[in-house]
Protein backbone atom coordinates (compact mmCIF):
# COMPACT_ATOMS: atom_id res chain seq x y z
CA MET A 1 -26.94 -65.46 202.03
CA VAL A 2 -25.17 -66.04 198.69
CA LYS A 3 -21.89 -64.66 200.09
CA ALA A 4 -22.14 -67.04 203.06
CA ARG A 5 -22.68 -70.03 200.78
CA CYS A 6 -19.70 -69.04 198.62
CA ALA A 7 -17.51 -68.61 201.66
CA LEU A 8 -18.60 -72.02 203.01
CA PHE A 9 -17.91 -73.64 199.62
CA VAL A 10 -14.39 -72.10 199.43
CA ALA A 11 -13.63 -73.19 202.99
CA MET A 12 -14.74 -76.74 202.27
CA ALA A 13 -12.68 -76.87 199.08
CA LEU A 14 -9.60 -75.70 200.90
CA ALA A 15 -10.14 -78.19 203.72
CA VAL A 16 -10.59 -81.13 201.35
CA GLY A 17 -7.66 -80.05 199.15
CA GLY A 18 -5.40 -79.57 202.12
CA CYS A 19 -5.95 -83.12 203.40
CA SER A 20 -3.58 -84.56 200.85
CA ALA A 21 -0.71 -82.53 202.30
CA VAL A 22 -1.46 -83.20 206.01
CA THR A 23 1.15 -85.95 206.32
CA ASP A 24 3.93 -83.83 204.90
CA THR A 25 2.91 -80.84 207.08
CA TRP A 26 2.69 -82.97 210.24
CA ASN A 27 6.19 -84.33 209.62
CA ASP A 28 7.51 -80.81 208.96
CA TRP A 29 5.95 -79.43 212.16
CA PHE A 30 7.22 -82.13 214.49
CA GLY A 31 10.56 -82.91 212.84
CA GLU A 32 9.67 -86.46 211.92
CA SER A 33 11.02 -87.86 208.68
CA PRO A 34 9.52 -90.79 206.79
CA THR A 35 11.37 -94.11 207.00
CA PRO A 36 13.48 -94.52 203.87
CA VAL A 37 13.06 -97.65 201.78
CA PRO A 38 16.37 -99.57 201.72
CA THR A 39 17.83 -99.85 198.25
CA ALA A 40 21.14 -100.84 196.76
CA PRO A 41 23.47 -97.85 196.69
CA PRO A 42 23.87 -96.51 193.14
CA THR A 43 27.36 -96.50 191.65
CA ALA A 44 28.93 -93.27 190.44
CA ALA A 45 28.22 -94.23 186.79
CA ASP A 46 24.56 -95.01 187.55
CA GLN A 47 23.86 -91.88 189.65
CA GLY A 48 20.59 -90.64 188.19
CA ALA A 49 21.03 -92.63 184.97
CA GLU A 50 18.22 -94.27 183.08
CA VAL A 51 18.69 -97.11 180.57
CA PHE A 52 17.66 -96.50 176.99
CA TYR A 53 18.36 -98.08 173.57
CA ALA A 54 19.27 -96.62 170.20
CA ALA A 55 16.16 -96.56 168.00
CA VAL A 56 18.02 -96.29 164.71
CA ASP A 57 21.15 -97.83 163.26
CA GLU A 58 24.19 -95.55 163.03
CA LEU A 59 22.83 -93.07 165.65
CA ALA A 60 25.25 -90.15 165.84
CA LEU A 61 26.99 -89.62 169.21
CA HIS A 62 28.13 -85.96 169.36
CA ALA A 63 30.62 -84.22 171.66
CA LEU A 64 28.16 -81.41 172.49
CA PRO A 65 24.31 -81.16 172.53
CA SER A 66 24.19 -79.99 168.90
CA GLY A 67 23.83 -81.81 165.59
CA SER A 68 26.72 -79.79 164.17
CA SER A 69 29.22 -80.63 166.89
CA GLN A 70 32.09 -83.09 166.51
CA LEU A 71 31.02 -86.70 165.95
CA VAL A 72 32.33 -89.02 168.67
CA ALA A 73 30.94 -92.34 167.40
CA ARG A 74 27.97 -94.00 165.78
CA LEU A 75 25.74 -96.30 167.82
CA SER A 76 24.31 -99.53 166.44
CA LEU A 77 20.61 -100.38 166.44
CA HIS A 78 19.31 -101.19 169.94
CA GLN A 79 22.67 -100.42 171.57
CA ARG A 80 22.20 -99.94 175.30
CA VAL A 81 23.05 -96.50 176.75
CA LYS A 82 22.57 -94.77 180.09
CA ARG A 83 20.95 -91.32 179.85
CA THR A 84 21.95 -88.86 182.56
CA GLY A 85 20.29 -85.68 181.33
CA ILE A 86 18.57 -83.79 178.52
CA THR A 87 19.52 -80.42 177.07
CA ARG A 88 17.78 -78.74 174.10
CA GLY A 89 16.45 -82.06 172.81
CA TYR A 90 19.75 -83.88 173.11
CA ALA A 91 20.35 -86.63 175.69
CA ASN A 92 23.66 -86.96 177.53
CA VAL A 93 24.46 -90.67 177.30
CA THR A 94 27.20 -93.11 178.23
CA THR A 95 27.62 -96.45 176.42
CA ASP A 96 28.60 -99.70 178.09
CA ALA A 97 32.00 -99.34 176.34
CA GLY A 98 32.57 -96.04 178.20
CA LEU A 99 31.91 -93.63 175.34
CA GLU A 100 30.14 -90.46 176.48
CA GLY A 101 28.34 -87.86 174.38
CA TRP A 102 25.06 -86.43 173.18
CA VAL A 103 22.41 -88.04 170.95
CA ASP A 104 19.06 -86.86 169.62
CA ASN A 105 16.71 -87.77 172.49
CA ALA A 106 13.88 -88.57 170.03
CA GLN A 107 16.03 -91.42 168.68
CA LEU A 108 16.10 -93.33 171.98
CA LEU A 109 13.80 -96.16 173.09
CA TRP A 110 12.92 -96.67 176.73
CA ARG A 111 12.51 -100.39 176.10
CA LEU A 112 13.41 -102.83 173.34
CA PRO A 113 10.67 -103.79 170.91
CA ALA A 114 9.11 -107.21 171.30
CA ALA A 115 10.62 -109.93 169.15
CA PRO A 116 8.42 -110.68 166.14
CA ALA A 117 6.40 -113.87 166.52
CA ALA A 118 7.70 -116.76 164.49
CA THR A 119 5.43 -117.26 161.55
CA THR A 120 5.10 -120.77 160.28
CA SER A 121 3.72 -121.46 156.89
CA PRO A 122 2.26 -124.89 156.21
CA VAL A 123 4.65 -126.95 154.13
CA GLU A 124 2.90 -129.09 151.58
CA PRO A 125 4.77 -132.25 150.58
CA SER A 126 5.46 -132.51 146.93
CA PRO A 127 4.31 -135.70 145.12
CA ALA A 128 7.86 -136.40 143.99
CA SER A 129 9.24 -136.37 147.56
CA SER A 130 6.76 -138.88 148.95
CA GLY A 131 6.67 -142.36 147.50
CA ALA A 132 3.53 -143.39 149.43
CA GLU A 133 1.29 -140.86 147.67
CA ALA A 134 0.32 -141.63 144.13
CA ALA A 135 -0.21 -138.83 141.69
CA PRO A 136 -3.85 -138.45 140.79
CA THR A 137 -4.93 -139.62 137.37
CA ALA A 138 -6.41 -137.25 134.85
CA GLY A 139 -10.00 -138.43 135.50
CA THR A 140 -9.80 -138.14 139.31
CA ALA A 141 -8.08 -134.83 139.72
CA GLU A 142 -9.20 -132.92 142.81
CA PRO A 143 -9.26 -129.15 142.88
CA ALA A 144 -6.54 -127.63 145.02
CA ALA A 145 -7.64 -126.00 148.26
CA PRO A 146 -7.44 -122.23 148.06
CA THR A 147 -4.68 -120.61 150.05
CA ALA A 148 -5.34 -117.75 152.50
CA ALA A 149 -3.92 -115.24 150.05
CA ALA A 150 -6.07 -116.53 147.22
CA ALA A 151 -9.16 -116.41 149.44
CA VAL A 152 -8.53 -112.75 150.15
CA ASP A 153 -7.61 -111.66 146.65
CA THR A 154 -10.11 -113.57 144.53
CA PRO A 155 -13.85 -114.06 145.03
CA VAL A 156 -15.07 -117.60 145.59
CA PRO A 157 -17.33 -118.73 142.73
CA THR A 158 -20.73 -120.06 143.80
CA ALA A 159 -22.43 -122.97 142.14
CA THR A 160 -25.59 -122.05 140.22
CA ALA A 161 -28.45 -124.34 139.41
CA PRO A 162 -29.04 -125.00 135.66
């Protein structure tokens, strides 16, 4: 009884697992090929190439996939290259200027980093620059509002009853 259940379980697992390949098998048996999706034909330079960017400034471009091989050029930070292959941790790249060589694959980015958000700090007008504002007198001086940095760095004193 146990052997029969195990055999049934194995048969069901094979049947379910085989369903994912039915389409490919059907096409192979009857000579049908899937309809290709039309795309723009790749140029010879782009054949199998992926676009990457230099992650560091002065990235060394070598003649062979080795750090000790002859230096061809140095790439600037975020310079665009096309990677056509990887060998022993070195990527075969071509620059837009036509230079070809090998760079450390770990020093390539697959996309450029997002531009940092523009930070605006509030600009407080100085009393000297504005003629409409009068400087406070000694008896009516108001305490300055704490800045965000001061609020983080220093504790806010609390008023205590006498």
